[in-house]
C-alpha atoms as a PDB file:
ATOM      1  CA  MET A   1      18.980 -26.406  28.290  1.00  0.00           C
ATOM      2  CA  ARG A   2      16.325 -23.749  29.154  1.00  0.00           C
ATOM      3  CA  PHE A   3      15.957 -20.606  27.117  1.00  0.00           C
ATOM      4  CA  PHE A   4      13.786 -18.759  29.572  1.00  0.00           C
ATOM      5  CA  THR A   5      14.998 -15.844  31.523  1.00  0.00           C
ATOM      6  CA  GLU A   6      13.189 -14.817  34.665  1.00  0.00           C
ATOM      7  CA  LYS A   7      10.171 -14.240  32.356  1.00  0.00           C
ATOM      8  CA  ALA A   8       7.251 -16.766  32.468  1.00  0.00           C
ATOM      9  CA  PRO A   9       7.841 -19.780  30.215  1.00  0.00           C
ATOM     10  CA  ASP A  10       4.374 -19.318  28.836  1.00  0.00           C
ATOM     11  CA  ASP A  11       5.792 -16.336  26.978  1.00  0.00           C
ATOM     12  CA  TYR A  12       8.152 -17.983  24.482  1.00  0.00           C
ATOM     13  CA  THR A  13       7.945 -17.447  20.872  1.00  0.00           C
ATOM     14  CA  ILE A  14       9.722 -19.263  18.012  1.00  0.00           C
ATOM     15  CA  ILE A  15      10.108 -17.612  14.729  1.00  0.00           C
ATOM     16  CA  ILE A  16      11.066 -19.686  11.685  1.00  0.00           C
ATOM     17  CA  GLY A  17      12.679 -17.484   9.116  1.00  0.00           C
ATOM     18  CA  CYS A  18      14.975 -14.353   9.765  1.00  0.00           C
ATOM     19  CA  GLY A  19      14.289 -12.449   6.668  1.00  0.00           C
ATOM     20  CA  ARG A  20      12.965  -8.917   6.688  1.00  0.00           C
ATOM     21  CA  LEU A  21       9.746  -9.882   8.322  1.00  0.00           C
ATOM     22  CA  GLY A  22      11.024 -12.563  10.661  1.00  0.00           C
ATOM     23  CA  SER A  23      13.841 -10.117  11.919  1.00  0.00           C
ATOM     24  CA  LYS A  24      11.364  -7.364  12.404  1.00  0.00           C
ATOM     25  CA  ILE A  25       9.081  -9.542  14.423  1.00  0.00           C
ATOM     26  CA  ALA A  26      11.874 -10.846  16.493  1.00  0.00           C
ATOM     27  CA  ASN A  27      13.424  -7.436  17.132  1.00  0.00           C
ATOM     28  CA  THR A  28       9.885  -6.141  18.184  1.00  0.00           C
ATOM     29  CA  LEU A  29       9.374  -9.005  20.692  1.00  0.00           C
ATOM     30  CA  SER A  30      12.726  -8.751  22.025  1.00  0.00           C
ATOM     31  CA  ASP A  31      12.326  -4.888  22.532  1.00  0.00           C
ATOM     32  CA  LYS A  32       9.268  -5.875  24.575  1.00  0.00           C
ATOM     33  CA  GLY A  33      11.201  -8.067  26.731  1.00  0.00           C
ATOM     34  CA  LYS A  34       9.735 -11.307  25.458  1.00  0.00           C
ATOM     35  CA  ASN A  35      11.428 -14.752  25.318  1.00  0.00           C
ATOM     36  CA  VAL A  36      12.205 -15.378  21.512  1.00  0.00           C
ATOM     37  CA  LEU A  37      14.261 -17.755  19.433  1.00  0.00           C
ATOM     38  CA  VAL A  38      14.809 -17.240  15.783  1.00  0.00           C
ATOM     39  CA  MET A  39      15.652 -20.225  13.587  1.00  0.00           C
ATOM     40  CA  ASP A  40      16.928 -19.892  10.047  1.00  0.00           C
ATOM     41  CA  LYS A  41      18.739 -22.175   7.700  1.00  0.00           C
ATOM     42  CA  SER A  42      21.455 -19.471   6.994  1.00  0.00           C
ATOM     43  CA  GLY A  43      23.523 -17.938   9.644  1.00  0.00           C
ATOM     44  CA  ASP A  44      23.827 -14.871   7.671  1.00  0.00           C
ATOM     45  CA  SER A  45      20.326 -14.081   8.141  1.00  0.00           C
ATOM     46  CA  PHE A  46      20.872 -13.174  11.716  1.00  0.00           C
ATOM     47  CA  ARG A  47      22.735 -10.085  10.740  1.00  0.00           C
ATOM     48  CA  ARG A  48      19.297  -8.540  10.298  1.00  0.00           C
ATOM     49  CA  LEU A  49      18.773  -8.636  14.043  1.00  0.00           C
ATOM     50  CA  SER A  50      19.411  -5.492  15.867  1.00  0.00           C
ATOM     51  CA  SER A  51      22.411  -4.958  18.055  1.00  0.00           C
ATOM     52  CA  SER A  52      20.072  -4.884  21.005  1.00  0.00           C
ATOM     53  CA  PHE A  53      18.352  -8.191  20.276  1.00  0.00           C
ATOM     54  CA  GLY A  54      18.043 -10.052  23.609  1.00  0.00           C
ATOM     55  CA  GLY A  55      16.862 -13.366  22.172  1.00  0.00           C
ATOM     56  CA  LEU A  56      18.450 -16.428  20.897  1.00  0.00           C
ATOM     57  CA  ASN A  57      19.112 -17.570  17.369  1.00  0.00           C
ATOM     58  CA  THR A  58      19.960 -20.899  15.928  1.00  0.00           C
ATOM     59  CA  ILE A  59      20.800 -22.289  12.552  1.00  0.00           C
ATOM     60  CA  GLY A  60      18.353 -25.013  11.473  1.00  0.00           C
ATOM     61  CA  ASP A  61      15.583 -26.280   9.293  1.00  0.00           C
ATOM     62  CA  GLY A  62      12.152 -25.469  10.801  1.00  0.00           C
ATOM     63  CA  THR A  63      10.742 -28.585   9.274  1.00  0.00           C
ATOM     64  CA  ASP A  64      13.210 -30.809  10.959  1.00  0.00           C
ATOM     65  CA  ILE A  65      11.686 -32.305  14.183  1.00  0.00           C
ATOM     66  CA  ASP A  66      15.050 -32.560  15.787  1.00  0.00           C
ATOM     67  CA  HIS A  67      15.820 -28.975  15.255  1.00  0.00           C
ATOM     68  CA  LEU A  68      12.380 -28.065  16.671  1.00  0.00           C
ATOM     69  CA  GLN A  69      12.919 -30.167  19.805  1.00  0.00           C
ATOM     70  CA  GLU A  70      16.305 -28.623  20.316  1.00  0.00           C
ATOM     71  CA  ALA A  71      14.654 -25.243  20.213  1.00  0.00           C
ATOM     72  CA  HIS A  72      12.069 -26.545  22.954  1.00  0.00           C
ATOM     73  CA  ILE A  73       9.050 -26.090  20.781  1.00  0.00           C
ATOM     74  CA  SER A  74       6.850 -27.998  23.231  1.00  0.00           C
ATOM     75  CA  ASP A  75       7.463 -25.074  25.546  1.00  0.00           C
ATOM     76  CA  ALA A  76       6.456 -22.435  23.048  1.00  0.00           C
ATOM     77  CA  SER A  77       3.441 -20.406  23.436  1.00  0.00           C
ATOM     78  CA  MET A  78       3.668 -19.257  19.840  1.00  0.00           C
ATOM     79  CA  VAL A  79       5.259 -20.136  16.604  1.00  0.00           C
ATOM     80  CA  VAL A  80       5.517 -17.929  13.704  1.00  0.00           C
ATOM     81  CA  ALA A  81       6.515 -19.269  10.359  1.00  0.00           C
ATOM     82  CA  VAL A  82       7.741 -16.568   8.028  1.00  0.00           C
ATOM     83  CA  THR A  83      10.166 -18.115   5.623  1.00  0.00           C
ATOM     84  CA  ASP A  84      10.265 -17.224   1.894  1.00  0.00           C
ATOM     85  CA  SER A  85       8.563 -20.469   0.997  1.00  0.00           C
ATOM     86  CA  ASP A  86       4.769 -21.136   1.429  1.00  0.00           C
ATOM     87  CA  ASN A  87       5.177 -24.863   1.629  1.00  0.00           C
ATOM     88  CA  THR A  88       7.831 -24.626   4.295  1.00  0.00           C
ATOM     89  CA  ASN A  89       5.479 -22.153   6.410  1.00  0.00           C
ATOM     90  CA  ILE A  90       2.596 -24.619   5.879  1.00  0.00           C
ATOM     91  CA  LEU A  91       4.618 -27.655   7.105  1.00  0.00           C
ATOM     92  CA  VAL A  92       6.066 -25.781  10.101  1.00  0.00           C
ATOM     93  CA  ALA A  93       2.600 -24.558  11.165  1.00  0.00           C
ATOM     94  CA  GLN A  94       1.066 -27.898  10.774  1.00  0.00           C
ATOM     95  CA  MET A  95       3.870 -29.618  12.830  1.00  0.00           C
ATOM     96  CA  ALA A  96       3.799 -26.930  15.492  1.00  0.00           C
ATOM     97  CA  LYS A  97       0.011 -27.386  15.914  1.00  0.00           C
ATOM     98  CA  ALA A  98      -0.402 -31.068  15.390  1.00  0.00           C
ATOM     99  CA  LEU A  99       2.826 -32.581  16.718  1.00  0.00           C
ATOM    100  CA  PHE A 100       3.684 -30.100  19.526  1.00  0.00           C
ATOM    101  CA  HIS A 101       0.269 -28.589  20.418  1.00  0.00           C
ATOM    102  CA  VAL A 102       1.649 -24.964  20.346  1.00  0.00           C
ATOM    103  CA  PRO A 103      -1.305 -22.767  21.456  1.00  0.00           C
ATOM    104  CA  GLN A 104      -0.830 -20.008  18.814  1.00  0.00           C
ATOM    105  CA  VAL A 105       0.517 -20.650  15.350  1.00  0.00           C
ATOM    106  CA  ILE A 106       0.929 -17.963  12.564  1.00  0.00           C
ATOM    107  CA  ALA A 107       1.967 -18.623   9.062  1.00  0.00           C
ATOM    108  CA  ARG A 108       2.712 -16.235   6.332  1.00  0.00           C
ATOM    109  CA  LEU A 109       1.383 -17.309   2.733  1.00  0.00           C
ATOM    110  CA  CYS A 110       2.239 -15.284  -0.304  1.00  0.00           C
ATOM    111  CA  ASP A 111      -0.255 -17.351  -2.403  1.00  0.00           C
ATOM    112  CA  PRO A 112      -3.789 -16.717  -0.986  1.00  0.00           C
ATOM    113  CA  GLU A 113      -5.203 -19.854  -2.573  1.00  0.00           C
ATOM    114  CA  LYS A 114      -3.101 -21.917  -0.251  1.00  0.00           C
ATOM    115  CA  ARG A 115      -5.153 -20.608   2.736  1.00  0.00           C
ATOM    116  CA  CYS A 116      -7.570 -23.374   2.269  1.00  0.00           C
ATOM    117  CA  VAL A 117      -4.931 -25.741   3.832  1.00  0.00           C
ATOM    118  CA  PHE A 118      -5.808 -24.299   7.141  1.00  0.00           C
ATOM    119  CA  GLN A 119      -9.631 -23.990   6.957  1.00  0.00           C
ATOM    120  CA  GLU A 120     -10.236 -26.756   9.640  1.00  0.00           C
ATOM    121  CA  GLU A 121      -7.109 -25.941  11.781  1.00  0.00           C
ATOM    122  CA  ASP A 122      -6.558 -23.330  14.448  1.00  0.00           C
ATOM    123  CA  ILE A 123      -3.725 -21.562  12.508  1.00  0.00           C
ATOM    124  CA  HIS A 124      -3.648 -17.946  11.784  1.00  0.00           C
ATOM    125  CA  VAL A 125      -2.719 -17.090   8.152  1.00  0.00           C
ATOM    126  CA  VAL A 126      -1.261 -13.682   7.072  1.00  0.00           C
ATOM    127  CA  CYS A 127      -1.313 -13.130   3.420  1.00  0.00           C
ATOM    128  CA  PRO A 128       0.590 -10.048   2.318  1.00  0.00           C
ATOM    129  CA  SER A 129      -1.253  -9.790  -1.139  1.00  0.00           C
ATOM    130  CA  VAL A 130      -4.627  -9.895   0.549  1.00  0.00           C
ATOM    131  CA  LEU A 131      -3.594  -7.298   3.052  1.00  0.00           C
ATOM    132  CA  SER A 132      -2.135  -5.077   0.248  1.00  0.00           C
ATOM    133  CA  ALA A 133      -5.301  -5.418  -1.746  1.00  0.00           C
ATOM    134  CA  ARG A 134      -7.434  -4.355   1.192  1.00  0.00           C
ATOM    135  CA  GLU A 135      -5.324  -1.401   1.925  1.00  0.00           C
ATOM    136  CA  ILE A 136      -5.364  -0.294  -1.662  1.00  0.00           C
ATOM    137  CA  ASP A 137      -9.049  -0.827  -1.948  1.00  0.00           C
ATOM    138  CA  SER A 138      -9.482   1.243   1.272  1.00  0.00           C
ATOM    139  CA  TYR A 139      -7.395   3.874  -0.158  1.00  0.00           C
ATOM    140  CA  LEU A 140      -9.323   3.942  -3.513  1.00  0.00           C
ATOM    141  CA  ASN A 141     -12.661   4.311  -1.648  1.00  0.00           C
ATOM    142  CA  THR A 142     -11.727   7.201   0.425  1.00  0.00           C
ATOM    143  CA  PRO A 143     -13.742  10.461  -0.185  1.00  0.00           C
ATOM    144  CA  ALA A 144     -10.593  12.434  -0.967  1.00  0.00           C
ATOM    145  CA  HIS A 145      -9.545   9.880  -3.607  1.00  0.00           C
ATOM    146  CA  ALA A 146     -13.061   9.627  -4.971  1.00  0.00           C
ATOM    147  CA  ALA A 147     -13.355  13.299  -5.275  1.00  0.00           C
ATOM    148  CA  ALA A 148      -9.964  13.438  -7.059  1.00  0.00           C
ATOM    149  CA  GLY A 149     -11.293  10.866  -9.666  1.00  0.00           C
ATOM    150  CA  LYS A 150     -14.286  13.072 -10.733  1.00  0.00           C
ATOM    151  CA  ASP A 151     -12.207  15.258 -13.067  1.00  0.00           C
END
């Protein structure tokens, strides 16, 4: 079974985790006309997908090789691991890159100290706490905020 529409198969993204972030990414890609499949262990999670979602969803464990093969991971141009478990995201990302040679792999890690796992691998890491700290630091260093603190 092929998941691709008339769009190029090199434009196929698998998202593991359909929480707030995973569903947002899936909806955005779908709205852009991209081929997207969302996998989550819970079928209830798919309620977060918009009514206009044009991709596919499947109940499954993203760390299970059989589930990944059923999702045609070897055809994916990108895998995004955004479950609520850093360990799951690490495992999914490593499997996608090492076993299935997915060209672009992105993993969300809540614990910034776990980033070291990917130092030697071509896996992109998004760490919400690091991004938040940068944003807050940027805000604290703006001229308007600095002037307000001189009371």
